[in-house]
C-alpha atoms as a PDB file:
ATOM      1  CA  MET A   1     -29.331  42.195   4.063  1.00  0.00           C
ATOM      2  CA  GLY A   2     -28.330  38.518   3.850  1.00  0.00           C
ATOM      3  CA  ASP A   3     -31.382  36.264   3.728  1.00  0.00           C
ATOM      4  CA  SER A   4     -33.671  39.161   2.645  1.00  0.00           C
ATOM      5  CA  VAL A   5     -31.868  39.647  -0.679  1.00  0.00           C
ATOM      6  CA  THR A   6     -33.554  37.753  -3.509  1.00  0.00           C
ATOM      7  CA  LEU A   7     -32.436  36.603  -6.931  1.00  0.00           C
ATOM      8  CA  GLN A   8     -35.076  38.926  -8.429  1.00  0.00           C
ATOM      9  CA  GLU A   9     -33.519  41.967  -6.748  1.00  0.00           C
ATOM     10  CA  ILE A  10     -30.081  41.103  -8.115  1.00  0.00           C
ATOM     11  CA  ALA A  11     -31.582  40.554 -11.567  1.00  0.00           C
ATOM     12  CA  ASP A  12     -33.472  43.888 -11.468  1.00  0.00           C
ATOM     13  CA  ARG A  13     -30.356  45.834 -10.458  1.00  0.00           C
ATOM     14  CA  LEU A  14     -28.328  44.344 -13.298  1.00  0.00           C
ATOM     15  CA  GLY A  15     -31.093  44.359 -15.907  1.00  0.00           C
ATOM     16  CA  LEU A  16     -30.981  40.590 -16.299  1.00  0.00           C
ATOM     17  CA  HIS A  17     -33.593  37.851 -16.275  1.00  0.00           C
ATOM     18  CA  VAL A  18     -33.885  36.127 -12.917  1.00  0.00           C
ATOM     19  CA  SER A  19     -33.231  32.741 -14.514  1.00  0.00           C
ATOM     20  CA  THR A  20     -29.835  33.982 -15.719  1.00  0.00           C
ATOM     21  CA  VAL A  21     -28.889  35.078 -12.193  1.00  0.00           C
ATOM     22  CA  SER A  22     -30.102  31.772 -10.777  1.00  0.00           C
ATOM     23  CA  ARG A  23     -28.019  29.727 -13.208  1.00  0.00           C
ATOM     24  CA  VAL A  24     -24.905  31.830 -12.527  1.00  0.00           C
ATOM     25  CA  LEU A  25     -25.205  31.458  -8.758  1.00  0.00           C
ATOM     26  CA  HIS A  26     -26.696  27.979  -8.409  1.00  0.00           C
ATOM     27  CA  GLY A  27     -26.306  26.079 -11.654  1.00  0.00           C
ATOM     28  CA  SER A  28     -23.959  23.220 -12.399  1.00  0.00           C
ATOM     29  CA  PRO A  29     -20.557  24.239 -13.798  1.00  0.00           C
ATOM     30  CA  GLY A  30     -21.797  23.638 -17.337  1.00  0.00           C
ATOM     31  CA  ALA A  31     -25.009  25.601 -16.778  1.00  0.00           C
ATOM     32  CA  ARG A  32     -23.049  28.509 -15.293  1.00  0.00           C
ATOM     33  CA  GLN A  33     -20.855  28.751 -18.365  1.00  0.00           C
ATOM     34  CA  ARG A  34     -23.874  28.743 -20.683  1.00  0.00           C
ATOM     35  CA  ALA A  35     -25.894  31.206 -18.599  1.00  0.00           C
ATOM     36  CA  ALA A  36     -23.899  34.359 -19.332  1.00  0.00           C
ATOM     37  CA  SER A  37     -20.625  35.759 -20.527  1.00  0.00           C
ATOM     38  CA  ALA A  38     -17.698  35.660 -18.131  1.00  0.00           C
ATOM     39  CA  ARG A  39     -18.008  39.430 -17.564  1.00  0.00           C
ATOM     40  CA  THR A  40     -21.736  39.255 -16.812  1.00  0.00           C
ATOM     41  CA  ALA A  41     -21.305  36.267 -14.528  1.00  0.00           C
ATOM     42  CA  GLN A  42     -18.642  38.169 -12.583  1.00  0.00           C
ATOM     43  CA  ARG A  43     -20.986  41.169 -12.228  1.00  0.00           C
ATOM     44  CA  VAL A  44     -23.660  38.851 -10.815  1.00  0.00           C
ATOM     45  CA  ARG A  45     -21.250  37.293  -8.320  1.00  0.00           C
ATOM     46  CA  ASP A  46     -19.847  40.669  -7.282  1.00  0.00           C
ATOM     47  CA  LEU A  47     -23.268  42.178  -6.624  1.00  0.00           C
ATOM     48  CA  ALA A  48     -24.418  39.068  -4.760  1.00  0.00           C
ATOM     49  CA  ALA A  49     -21.359  39.341  -2.516  1.00  0.00           C
ATOM     50  CA  GLU A  50     -21.848  43.093  -2.030  1.00  0.00           C
ATOM     51  CA  LEU A  51     -25.473  42.638  -0.971  1.00  0.00           C
ATOM     52  CA  GLY A  52     -24.673  39.642   1.237  1.00  0.00           C
ATOM     53  CA  TYR A  53     -26.922  37.327  -0.741  1.00  0.00           C
ATOM     54  CA  ARG A  54     -27.316  33.838   0.720  1.00  0.00           C
ATOM     55  CA  PRO A  55     -29.393  31.103  -0.930  1.00  0.00           C
ATOM     56  CA  ASN A  56     -32.504  29.857   0.818  1.00  0.00           C
ATOM     57  CA  PRO A  57     -31.800  26.134   1.300  1.00  0.00           C
ATOM     58  CA  HIS A  58     -35.480  25.317   1.743  1.00  0.00           C
ATOM     59  CA  ALA A  59     -36.458  26.987  -1.500  1.00  0.00           C
ATOM     60  CA  THR A  60     -33.550  25.338  -3.288  1.00  0.00           C
ATOM     61  CA  SER A  61     -34.618  21.983  -1.942  1.00  0.00           C
ATOM     62  CA  LEU A  62     -38.179  22.458  -3.184  1.00  0.00           C
ATOM     63  CA  ARG A  63     -36.972  23.394  -6.673  1.00  0.00           C
ATOM     64  CA  THR A  64     -34.324  20.725  -7.063  1.00  0.00           C
ATOM     65  CA  ARG A  65     -35.329  18.126  -4.477  1.00  0.00           C
ATOM     66  CA  ARG A  66     -31.746  18.480  -3.292  1.00  0.00           C
ATOM     67  CA  SER A  67     -30.570  19.972  -0.024  1.00  0.00           C
ATOM     68  CA  ASN A  68     -26.902  20.194  -1.071  1.00  0.00           C
ATOM     69  CA  LEU A  69     -26.186  18.835   2.387  1.00  0.00           C
ATOM     70  CA  ILE A  70     -23.973  15.846   3.214  1.00  0.00           C
ATOM     71  CA  GLY A  71     -24.171  14.124   6.576  1.00  0.00           C
ATOM     72  CA  VAL A  72     -20.966  12.692   8.028  1.00  0.00           C
ATOM     73  CA  LEU A  73     -20.638  10.100  10.787  1.00  0.00           C
ATOM     74  CA  PHE A  74     -17.414   9.459  12.702  1.00  0.00           C
ATOM     75  CA  PRO A  75     -16.584   7.757  16.004  1.00  0.00           C
ATOM     76  CA  ARG A  76     -15.006  10.875  17.572  1.00  0.00           C
ATOM     77  CA  LEU A  77     -14.151  14.093  15.808  1.00  0.00           C
ATOM     78  CA  SER A  78     -11.613  14.789  18.575  1.00  0.00           C
ATOM     79  CA  GLU A  79      -9.292  12.132  17.111  1.00  0.00           C
ATOM     80  CA  ILE A  80      -6.618  13.683  14.894  1.00  0.00           C
ATOM     81  CA  VAL A  81      -7.006  11.090  12.128  1.00  0.00           C
ATOM     82  CA  VAL A  82     -10.767  11.578  11.996  1.00  0.00           C
ATOM     83  CA  ALA A  83     -10.458  15.363  12.150  1.00  0.00           C
ATOM     84  CA  THR A  84      -7.955  15.365   9.276  1.00  0.00           C
ATOM     85  CA  ILE A  85     -10.184  13.160   7.109  1.00  0.00           C
ATOM     86  CA  TYR A  86     -13.117  15.458   7.880  1.00  0.00           C
ATOM     87  CA  GLU A  87     -11.082  18.485   6.771  1.00  0.00           C
ATOM     88  CA  GLY A  88     -10.718  16.821   3.380  1.00  0.00           C
ATOM     89  CA  ILE A  89     -14.452  16.084   3.262  1.00  0.00           C
ATOM     90  CA  GLU A  90     -15.392  19.645   4.137  1.00  0.00           C
ATOM     91  CA  GLU A  91     -12.930  21.241   1.716  1.00  0.00           C
ATOM     92  CA  GLU A  92     -14.029  19.082  -1.227  1.00  0.00           C
ATOM     93  CA  ALA A  93     -17.729  19.435  -0.437  1.00  0.00           C
ATOM     94  CA  THR A  94     -17.463  23.215  -0.179  1.00  0.00           C
ATOM     95  CA  ALA A  95     -15.599  23.423  -3.465  1.00  0.00           C
ATOM     96  CA  ARG A  96     -18.459  21.525  -5.098  1.00  0.00           C
ATOM     97  CA  GLY A  97     -21.258  23.604  -3.607  1.00  0.00           C
ATOM     98  CA  PHE A  98     -22.250  21.313  -0.741  1.00  0.00           C
ATOM     99  CA  SER A  99     -22.416  21.850   2.999  1.00  0.00           C
ATOM    100  CA  THR A 100     -21.577  19.196   5.577  1.00  0.00           C
ATOM    101  CA  PHE A 101     -22.401  18.459   9.150  1.00  0.00           C
ATOM    102  CA  VAL A 102     -20.806  15.806  11.318  1.00  0.00           C
ATOM    103  CA  THR A 103     -21.954  13.770  14.296  1.00  0.00           C
ATOM    104  CA  ASN A 104     -20.074  11.468  16.678  1.00  0.00           C
ATOM    105  CA  THR A 105     -21.201   7.891  17.340  1.00  0.00           C
ATOM    106  CA  HIS A 106     -18.494   6.719  19.787  1.00  0.00           C
ATOM    107  CA  ASP A 107     -18.298   3.438  17.819  1.00  0.00           C
ATOM    108  CA  GLU A 108     -21.429   2.140  19.570  1.00  0.00           C
ATOM    109  CA  PRO A 109     -23.842   0.279  17.227  1.00  0.00           C
ATOM    110  CA  ALA A 110     -27.000   1.556  18.943  1.00  0.00           C
ATOM    111  CA  THR A 111     -25.734   5.129  18.746  1.00  0.00           C
ATOM    112  CA  GLN A 112     -24.725   4.605  15.122  1.00  0.00           C
ATOM    113  CA  ARG A 113     -28.303   3.678  14.201  1.00  0.00           C
ATOM    114  CA  GLU A 114     -29.720   6.621  16.155  1.00  0.00           C
ATOM    115  CA  ARG A 115     -27.334   9.070  14.504  1.00  0.00           C
ATOM    116  CA  ILE A 116     -28.056   7.700  11.035  1.00  0.00           C
ATOM    117  CA  ALA A 117     -31.783   8.272  11.629  1.00  0.00           C
ATOM    118  CA  MET A 118     -31.080  11.773  12.943  1.00  0.00           C
ATOM    119  CA  VAL A 119     -28.927  12.660   9.953  1.00  0.00           C
ATOM    120  CA  LEU A 120     -31.489  11.334   7.473  1.00  0.00           C
ATOM    121  CA  ALA A 121     -34.167  13.442   9.168  1.00  0.00           C
ATOM    122  CA  ARG A 122     -32.167  16.495   8.078  1.00  0.00           C
ATOM    123  CA  ARG A 123     -33.001  15.611   4.454  1.00  0.00           C
ATOM    124  CA  VAL A 124     -29.391  15.128   3.431  1.00  0.00           C
ATOM    125  CA  ASP A 125     -28.566  14.235  -0.157  1.00  0.00           C
ATOM    126  CA  GLY A 126     -26.153  11.558   0.989  1.00  0.00           C
ATOM    127  CA  LEU A 127     -23.947  10.304   3.797  1.00  0.00           C
ATOM    128  CA  ILE A 128     -20.252   9.682   4.330  1.00  0.00           C
ATOM    129  CA  ILE A 129     -19.827   7.084   7.054  1.00  0.00           C
ATOM    130  CA  GLY A 130     -16.495   6.813   8.838  1.00  0.00           C
ATOM    131  CA  ASP A 131     -17.486   4.600  11.758  1.00  0.00           C
ATOM    132  CA  ALA A 132     -18.420   1.364   9.974  1.00  0.00           C
ATOM    133  CA  HIS A 133     -17.871  -1.935  11.755  1.00  0.00           C
ATOM    134  CA  LEU A 134     -16.618  -4.887   9.735  1.00  0.00           C
ATOM    135  CA  ASP A 135     -19.917  -6.742  10.055  1.00  0.00           C
ATOM    136  CA  GLY A 136     -21.786  -3.784   8.556  1.00  0.00           C
ATOM    137  CA  ALA A 137     -24.610  -4.246  11.053  1.00  0.00           C
ATOM    138  CA  ALA A 138     -25.552  -0.571  11.355  1.00  0.00           C
ATOM    139  CA  LEU A 139     -25.663  -0.272   7.562  1.00  0.00           C
ATOM    140  CA  SER A 140     -28.136  -3.069   6.932  1.00  0.00           C
ATOM    141  CA  GLY A 141     -31.331  -1.444   8.186  1.00  0.00           C
ATOM    142  CA  PRO A 142     -34.031  -0.052   5.884  1.00  0.00           C
ATOM    143  CA  ALA A 143     -33.199   3.561   6.795  1.00  0.00           C
ATOM    144  CA  LEU A 144     -30.308   3.672   4.320  1.00  0.00           C
ATOM    145  CA  HIS A 145     -32.012   1.920   1.418  1.00  0.00           C
ATOM    146  CA  ASP A 146     -33.039   5.132  -0.346  1.00  0.00           C
ATOM    147  CA  THR A 147     -30.075   7.355   0.542  1.00  0.00           C
ATOM    148  CA  PRO A 148     -26.715   7.154  -1.238  1.00  0.00           C
ATOM    149  CA  PHE A 149     -23.760   6.671   1.085  1.00  0.00           C
ATOM    150  CA  VAL A 150     -20.045   5.993   0.922  1.00  0.00           C
ATOM    151  CA  LEU A 151     -17.780   4.608   3.632  1.00  0.00           C
ATOM    152  CA  VAL A 152     -14.499   6.317   4.392  1.00  0.00           C
ATOM    153  CA  ASN A 153     -11.401   5.095   6.266  1.00  0.00           C
ATOM    154  CA  ARG A 154     -13.061   1.779   7.144  1.00  0.00           C
ATOM    155  CA  ARG A 155     -14.663  -0.839   4.933  1.00  0.00           C
ATOM    156  CA  ALA A 156     -17.461  -3.229   5.832  1.00  0.00           C
ATOM    157  CA  GLU A 157     -18.826  -6.531   4.625  1.00  0.00           C
ATOM    158  CA  GLY A 158     -21.765  -6.387   2.245  1.00  0.00           C
ATOM    159  CA  GLY A 159     -20.255  -4.740  -0.797  1.00  0.00           C
ATOM    160  CA  HIS A 160     -20.693  -1.167   0.417  1.00  0.00           C
ATOM    161  CA  PRO A 161     -18.625   1.407  -1.515  1.00  0.00           C
ATOM    162  CA  ALA A 162     -15.629   2.464   0.571  1.00  0.00           C
ATOM    163  CA  VAL A 163     -12.671   4.814   0.243  1.00  0.00           C
ATOM    164  CA  THR A 164      -9.817   3.556   2.392  1.00  0.00           C
ATOM    165  CA  CYS A 165      -6.079   3.507   2.669  1.00  0.00           C
ATOM    166  CA  ASP A 166      -4.618   0.217   1.474  1.00  0.00           C
ATOM    167  CA  ASP A 167      -4.288  -0.910   5.078  1.00  0.00           C
ATOM    168  CA  TYR A 168      -3.252  -4.453   4.214  1.00  0.00           C
ATOM    169  CA  LEU A 169      -0.340  -3.159   2.171  1.00  0.00           C
ATOM    170  CA  GLY A 170       0.599  -0.803   4.979  1.00  0.00           C
ATOM    171  CA  GLY A 171       0.890  -3.721   7.399  1.00  0.00           C
ATOM    172  CA  ARG A 172       3.071  -5.579   4.908  1.00  0.00           C
ATOM    173  CA  LEU A 173       5.359  -2.559   4.555  1.00  0.00           C
ATOM    174  CA  VAL A 174       6.041  -2.589   8.308  1.00  0.00           C
ATOM    175  CA  ALA A 175       6.665  -6.342   8.292  1.00  0.00           C
ATOM    176  CA  GLU A 176       9.060  -5.969   5.368  1.00  0.00           C
ATOM    177  CA  HIS A 177      10.903  -3.258   7.279  1.00  0.00           C
ATOM    178  CA  PHE A 178      11.199  -5.339  10.466  1.00  0.00           C
ATOM    179  CA  LEU A 179      12.288  -8.391   8.488  1.00  0.00           C
ATOM    180  CA  GLY A 180      14.951  -6.286   6.825  1.00  0.00           C
ATOM    181  CA  LEU A 181      16.249  -5.331  10.276  1.00  0.00           C
ATOM    182  CA  GLY A 182      16.419  -8.990  11.284  1.00  0.00           C
ATOM    183  CA  HIS A 183      13.540  -9.090  13.799  1.00  0.00           C
ATOM    184  CA  ARG A 184      12.212 -12.606  14.400  1.00  0.00           C
ATOM    185  CA  ARG A 185      10.235 -12.097  17.630  1.00  0.00           C
ATOM    186  CA  VAL A 186       7.593  -9.468  16.962  1.00  0.00           C
ATOM    187  CA  GLY A 187       4.222  -8.448  18.346  1.00  0.00           C
ATOM    188  CA  VAL A 188       1.190  -6.548  17.052  1.00  0.00           C
ATOM    189  CA  ILE A 189      -0.907  -4.011  18.923  1.00  0.00           C
ATOM    190  CA  ALA A 190      -3.916  -4.720  16.753  1.00  0.00           C
ATOM    191  CA  GLY A 191      -6.564  -2.164  17.739  1.00  0.00           C
ATOM    192  CA  GLU A 192     -10.266  -2.956  17.864  1.00  0.00           C
ATOM    193  CA  ALA A 193     -11.289  -6.250  16.248  1.00  0.00           C
ATOM    194  CA  PHE A 194     -14.480  -4.715  14.798  1.00  0.00           C
ATOM    195  CA  ALA A 195     -12.634  -2.120  12.691  1.00  0.00           C
ATOM    196  CA  SER A 196     -11.230  -2.960   9.262  1.00  0.00           C
ATOM    197  CA  THR A 197      -8.318  -0.596   9.827  1.00  0.00           C
ATOM    198  CA  GLY A 198      -6.927  -2.738  12.629  1.00  0.00           C
ATOM    199  CA  ALA A 199      -7.914  -6.057  11.043  1.00  0.00           C
ATOM    200  CA  ASP A 200      -6.400  -5.303   7.622  1.00  0.00           C
ATOM    201  CA  ARG A 201      -3.192  -3.740   8.931  1.00  0.00           C
ATOM    202  CA  THR A 202      -2.682  -6.700  11.252  1.00  0.00           C
ATOM    203  CA  ALA A 203      -3.427  -9.205   8.477  1.00  0.00           C
ATOM    204  CA  GLY A 204      -0.892  -7.624   6.138  1.00  0.00           C
ATOM    205  CA  PHE A 205       1.808  -7.756   8.808  1.00  0.00           C
ATOM    206  CA  VAL A 206       1.019 -11.311   9.965  1.00  0.00           C
ATOM    207  CA  ASP A 207       0.780 -12.663   6.417  1.00  0.00           C
ATOM    208  CA  ARG A 208       4.179 -11.269   5.463  1.00  0.00           C
ATOM    209  CA  TYR A 209       5.804 -12.860   8.515  1.00  0.00           C
ATOM    210  CA  ARG A 210       4.105 -16.159   7.694  1.00  0.00           C
ATOM    211  CA  GLU A 211       5.493 -15.968   4.164  1.00  0.00           C
ATOM    212  CA  ALA A 212       8.958 -15.484   5.688  1.00  0.00           C
ATOM    213  CA  GLY A 213       8.534 -18.737   7.626  1.00  0.00           C
ATOM    214  CA  LEU A 214       7.876 -16.956  10.934  1.00  0.00           C
ATOM    215  CA  PRO A 215       4.157 -17.367  11.737  1.00  0.00           C
ATOM    216  CA  LEU A 216       3.059 -15.314  14.735  1.00  0.00           C
ATOM    217  CA  PRO A 217       1.466 -17.150  17.665  1.00  0.00           C
ATOM    218  CA  SER A 218      -1.964 -15.855  18.669  1.00  0.00           C
ATOM    219  CA  ALA A 219      -0.503 -14.439  21.890  1.00  0.00           C
ATOM    220  CA  ALA A 220       1.668 -12.096  19.818  1.00  0.00           C
ATOM    221  CA  VAL A 221      -1.419 -10.177  18.627  1.00  0.00           C
ATOM    222  CA  ARG A 222      -3.211  -8.049  21.236  1.00  0.00           C
ATOM    223  CA  HIS A 223      -6.417  -6.137  20.525  1.00  0.00           C
ATOM    224  CA  CYS A 224      -7.030  -2.838  22.282  1.00  0.00           C
ATOM    225  CA  ALA A 225      -8.715   0.551  21.985  1.00  0.00           C
ATOM    226  CA  PHE A 226      -7.299   2.957  19.401  1.00  0.00           C
ATOM    227  CA  ASP A 227      -5.769   5.244  22.012  1.00  0.00           C
ATOM    228  CA  THR A 228      -2.678   5.657  24.177  1.00  0.00           C
ATOM    229  CA  ALA A 229      -4.170   3.835  27.165  1.00  0.00           C
ATOM    230  CA  GLY A 230      -5.110   0.847  25.014  1.00  0.00           C
ATOM    231  CA  GLY A 231      -1.689   0.772  23.379  1.00  0.00           C
ATOM    232  CA  ARG A 232       0.029   0.937  26.737  1.00  0.00           C
ATOM    233  CA  ARG A 233      -1.963  -1.989  28.123  1.00  0.00           C
ATOM    234  CA  ALA A 234      -1.417  -4.120  25.032  1.00  0.00           C
ATOM    235  CA  ALA A 235       2.307  -3.358  24.922  1.00  0.00           C
ATOM    236  CA  THR A 236       2.700  -4.143  28.626  1.00  0.00           C
ATOM    237  CA  GLY A 237       1.203  -7.577  28.000  1.00  0.00           C
ATOM    238  CA  LEU A 238       3.342  -8.237  24.937  1.00  0.00           C
ATOM    239  CA  LEU A 239       6.565  -7.060  26.547  1.00  0.00           C
ATOM    240  CA  GLY A 240       5.881  -9.088  29.663  1.00  0.00           C
ATOM    241  CA  SER A 241       5.825 -12.351  27.712  1.00  0.00           C
ATOM    242  CA  ALA A 242       8.813 -14.648  27.307  1.00  0.00           C
ATOM    243  CA  PRO A 243      10.683 -14.511  25.090  1.00  0.00           C
ATOM    244  CA  ARG A 244      10.095 -10.773  24.847  1.00  0.00           C
ATOM    245  CA  PRO A 245       9.550  -9.404  21.322  1.00  0.00           C
ATOM    246  CA  THR A 246      12.269  -7.219  19.880  1.00  0.00           C
ATOM    247  CA  ALA A 247       9.853  -5.220  17.723  1.00  0.00           C
ATOM    248  CA  LEU A 248       6.231  -4.062  18.003  1.00  0.00           C
ATOM    249  CA  PHE A 249       3.852  -2.862  15.309  1.00  0.00           C
ATOM    250  CA  ALA A 250       0.974  -0.702  16.555  1.00  0.00           C
ATOM    251  CA  VAL A 251      -1.840  -0.248  14.039  1.00  0.00           C
ATOM    252  CA  ASN A 252      -2.211   3.435  14.884  1.00  0.00           C
ATOM    253  CA  ASP A 253       0.141   6.095  16.193  1.00  0.00           C
ATOM    254  CA  LEU A 254      -1.699   6.790  19.442  1.00  0.00           C
ATOM    255  CA  ALA A 255      -1.372   3.130  20.417  1.00  0.00           C
ATOM    256  CA  ALA A 256       2.314   3.316  19.479  1.00  0.00           C
ATOM    257  CA  ILE A 257       2.763   6.309  21.799  1.00  0.00           C
ATOM    258  CA  GLY A 258       1.133   4.269  24.558  1.00  0.00           C
ATOM    259  CA  ALA A 259       3.607   1.480  23.801  1.00  0.00           C
ATOM    260  CA  MET A 260       6.437   3.953  24.320  1.00  0.00           C
ATOM    261  CA  GLY A 261       5.159   4.533  27.842  1.00  0.00           C
ATOM    262  CA  ALA A 262       5.036   0.800  28.537  1.00  0.00           C
ATOM    263  CA  ALA A 263       8.590   0.381  27.267  1.00  0.00           C
ATOM    264  CA  ARG A 264       9.797   3.244  29.457  1.00  0.00           C
ATOM    265  CA  ASP A 265       8.211   1.660  32.520  1.00  0.00           C
ATOM    266  CA  LEU A 266      10.125  -1.542  31.786  1.00  0.00           C
ATOM    267  CA  GLY A 267      13.408   0.289  31.295  1.00  0.00           C
ATOM    268  CA  LEU A 268      13.518  -0.411  27.552  1.00  0.00           C
ATOM    269  CA  ARG A 269      14.937   2.130  25.102  1.00  0.00           C
ATOM    270  CA  ILE A 270      12.896   2.686  21.958  1.00  0.00           C
ATOM    271  CA  GLY A 271      15.072   2.234  18.895  1.00  0.00           C
ATOM    272  CA  ALA A 272      17.732   0.363  20.852  1.00  0.00           C
ATOM    273  CA  ASP A 273      16.144  -2.341  23.031  1.00  0.00           C
ATOM    274  CA  LEU A 274      12.831  -2.297  21.163  1.00  0.00           C
ATOM    275  CA  ALA A 275      11.904  -1.375  17.596  1.00  0.00           C
ATOM    276  CA  LEU A 276       8.509   0.280  17.250  1.00  0.00           C
ATOM    277  CA  ALA A 277       6.328   1.352  14.315  1.00  0.00           C
ATOM    278  CA  GLY A 278       2.892   2.955  14.128  1.00  0.00           C
ATOM    279  CA  PHE A 279       0.360   3.815  11.440  1.00  0.00           C
ATOM    280  CA  ASN A 280      -1.115   7.071  10.028  1.00  0.00           C
ATOM    281  CA  ASP A 281       1.909   9.333  10.565  1.00  0.00           C
ATOM    282  CA  ILE A 282       0.076  11.976  12.573  1.00  0.00           C
ATOM    283  CA  PRO A 283       2.024  15.265  12.905  1.00  0.00           C
ATOM    284  CA  VAL A 284       3.327  14.524  16.405  1.00  0.00           C
ATOM    285  CA  ALA A 285       4.982  11.277  15.238  1.00  0.00           C
ATOM    286  CA  ALA A 286       8.024  13.092  13.893  1.00  0.00           C
ATOM    287  CA  GLU A 287       8.335  15.325  16.977  1.00  0.00           C
ATOM    288  CA  LEU A 288       8.484  12.688  19.723  1.00  0.00           C
ATOM    289  CA  PRO A 289      11.694  12.341  21.790  1.00  0.00           C
ATOM    290  CA  VAL A 290      12.357   9.256  19.675  1.00  0.00           C
ATOM    291  CA  PRO A 291      10.720  10.030  16.304  1.00  0.00           C
ATOM    292  CA  LEU A 292       8.242   7.330  15.373  1.00  0.00           C
ATOM    293  CA  THR A 293       8.485   5.147  12.284  1.00  0.00           C
ATOM    294  CA  SER A 294       4.975   5.150  10.843  1.00  0.00           C
ATOM    295  CA  VAL A 295       2.955   4.282   7.760  1.00  0.00           C
ATOM    296  CA  ARG A 296       1.691   7.516   6.242  1.00  0.00           C
ATOM    297  CA  SER A 297      -1.991   7.332   5.372  1.00  0.00           C
ATOM    298  CA  PRO A 298      -3.344   9.951   2.907  1.00  0.00           C
ATOM    299  CA  MET A 299      -5.919  11.192   5.406  1.00  0.00           C
ATOM    300  CA  THR A 300      -7.023  14.425   3.722  1.00  0.00           C
ATOM    301  CA  ASP A 301      -7.142  12.701   0.337  1.00  0.00           C
ATOM    302  CA  LEU A 302      -9.411  10.016   1.798  1.00  0.00           C
ATOM    303  CA  GLY A 303     -11.946  12.684   2.726  1.00  0.00           C
ATOM    304  CA  ARG A 304     -11.747  14.387  -0.639  1.00  0.00           C
ATOM    305  CA  ALA A 305     -12.081  11.107  -2.541  1.00  0.00           C
ATOM    306  CA  ALA A 306     -15.089  10.079  -0.439  1.00  0.00           C
ATOM    307  CA  VAL A 307     -16.924  13.255  -1.459  1.00  0.00           C
ATOM    308  CA  ARG A 308     -16.125  12.663  -5.122  1.00  0.00           C
ATOM    309  CA  GLU A 309     -17.385   9.079  -4.959  1.00  0.00           C
ATOM    310  CA  LEU A 310     -20.582  10.183  -3.194  1.00  0.00           C
ATOM    311  CA  LEU A 311     -21.262  12.822  -5.846  1.00  0.00           C
ATOM    312  CA  GLN A 312     -20.746  10.154  -8.511  1.00  0.00           C
ATOM    313  CA  HIS A 313     -23.353   8.114  -6.654  1.00  0.00           C
ATOM    314  CA  LEU A 314     -25.741  11.095  -6.575  1.00  0.00           C
ATOM    315  CA  ALA A 315     -25.254  11.525 -10.326  1.00  0.00           C
ATOM    316  CA  GLY A 316     -26.435   7.956 -10.887  1.00  0.00           C
ATOM    317  CA  LYS A 317     -23.019   6.432 -11.481  1.00  0.00           C
ATOM    318  CA  PRO A 318     -22.147   3.457  -9.284  1.00  0.00           C
ATOM    319  CA  PRO A 319     -19.341   4.400  -6.879  1.00  0.00           C
ATOM    320  CA  ALA A 320     -16.264   2.209  -6.936  1.00  0.00           C
ATOM    321  CA  PRO A 321     -14.267   1.045  -3.925  1.00  0.00           C
ATOM    322  CA  ARG A 322     -10.997   2.938  -3.771  1.00  0.00           C
ATOM    323  CA  ARG A 323      -7.816   2.109  -1.876  1.00  0.00           C
ATOM    324  CA  LEU A 324      -5.250   4.896  -1.679  1.00  0.00           C
ATOM    325  CA  PRO A 325      -1.579   3.928  -1.373  1.00  0.00           C
ATOM    326  CA  PRO A 326       0.275   4.207   1.971  1.00  0.00           C
ATOM    327  CA  GLU A 327       3.930   5.133   2.448  1.00  0.00           C
ATOM    328  CA  LEU A 328       6.331   3.867   5.111  1.00  0.00           C
ATOM    329  CA  VAL A 329       8.230   6.696   6.805  1.00  0.00           C
ATOM    330  CA  VAL A 330      11.255   5.298   8.634  1.00  0.00           C
ATOM    331  CA  ARG A 331      12.511   7.148  11.709  1.00  0.00           C
ATOM    332  CA  ALA A 332      14.627   6.433  14.775  1.00  0.00           C
ATOM    333  CA  SER A 333      12.065   4.321  16.660  1.00  0.00           C
ATOM    334  CA  SER A 334      12.696   1.280  14.493  1.00  0.00           C
ATOM    335  CA  GLY A 335      16.431   1.417  15.230  1.00  0.00           C
ATOM    336  CA  ASP A 336      19.329  -0.322  13.545  1.00  0.00           C
ATOM    337  CA  PRO A 337      19.500  -3.904  12.249  1.00  0.00           C
ATOM    338  CA  VAL A 338      19.655  -6.531  15.002  1.00  0.00           C
ATOM    339  CA  ALA A 339      20.611  -9.364  12.640  1.00  0.00           C
ATOM    340  CA  PRO A 340      21.024  -9.984   8.915  1.00  0.00           C
ATOM    341  CA  PRO A 341      17.827  -9.522   6.887  1.00  0.00           C
ATOM    342  CA  LEU A 342      15.444 -12.491   6.963  1.00  0.00           C
END
């Protein structure tokens, strides 16, 4: 039956008022509890499932002026970090009675604006934006003025609510680890300059080295794409400089894997001739031939928290910026101490 089954039919079969059935199936948690006894509510849900009842989103929207739909923007859903965050978004949204749909923007500002307009045309209740650039340019247009949104994974200038990992702290954790191993000559594979993830992780690392009396020269920080090819190119440049760094921090794990390839080409052994650390702790990090030291980012939790903050926003409560704590996971790629701790 599916779409042809109505609330009235369910109510007639059970001898209930249609408003009771509606509150059981579509009401807020509080309204569902008040609508009927637990036994009656279960009978309603069981019959709805048996008949294949599905709500009409258009009718629901007309009654409530809500679509129960959340639009999600990411650079590329093919990236493991993005996909994992989206899993958290989808799981939390579903648990709270919302549906989601996601679109890719490829980190291009013009495409970001086009996709935002497309998503808003779907009459979404709100947006979760995971492709923000630091300057917040794509967020400043009038299209978003009347639609609640929350940033996830990346922050942006302008005071927009964002749910992120504490990327700055994560960078400091890696620096602390390298300093503890005695590394003085270090380099940073810094990712894209427009993304807060790369900027904040780099800043945390650089600041901690400066505090230790070892400021990094500008040439020791190389920006690149957040992928293996970008990491390989950046690492090749860093490792070709003199004096060569003894440790590299890549601001994401894919770039760190690219750095492994560059080190191999130069005949350097990861964990022996070169210490290496990444960020995010994607599943493959622990399974590499030389397991990768990495900062674990709570990726699924970021997605879940972003949904909760957006729903707070929809309920009229101002969302608060949230930074979830990272954790350094030390593995063989960072090697043994090369000198006494600094």
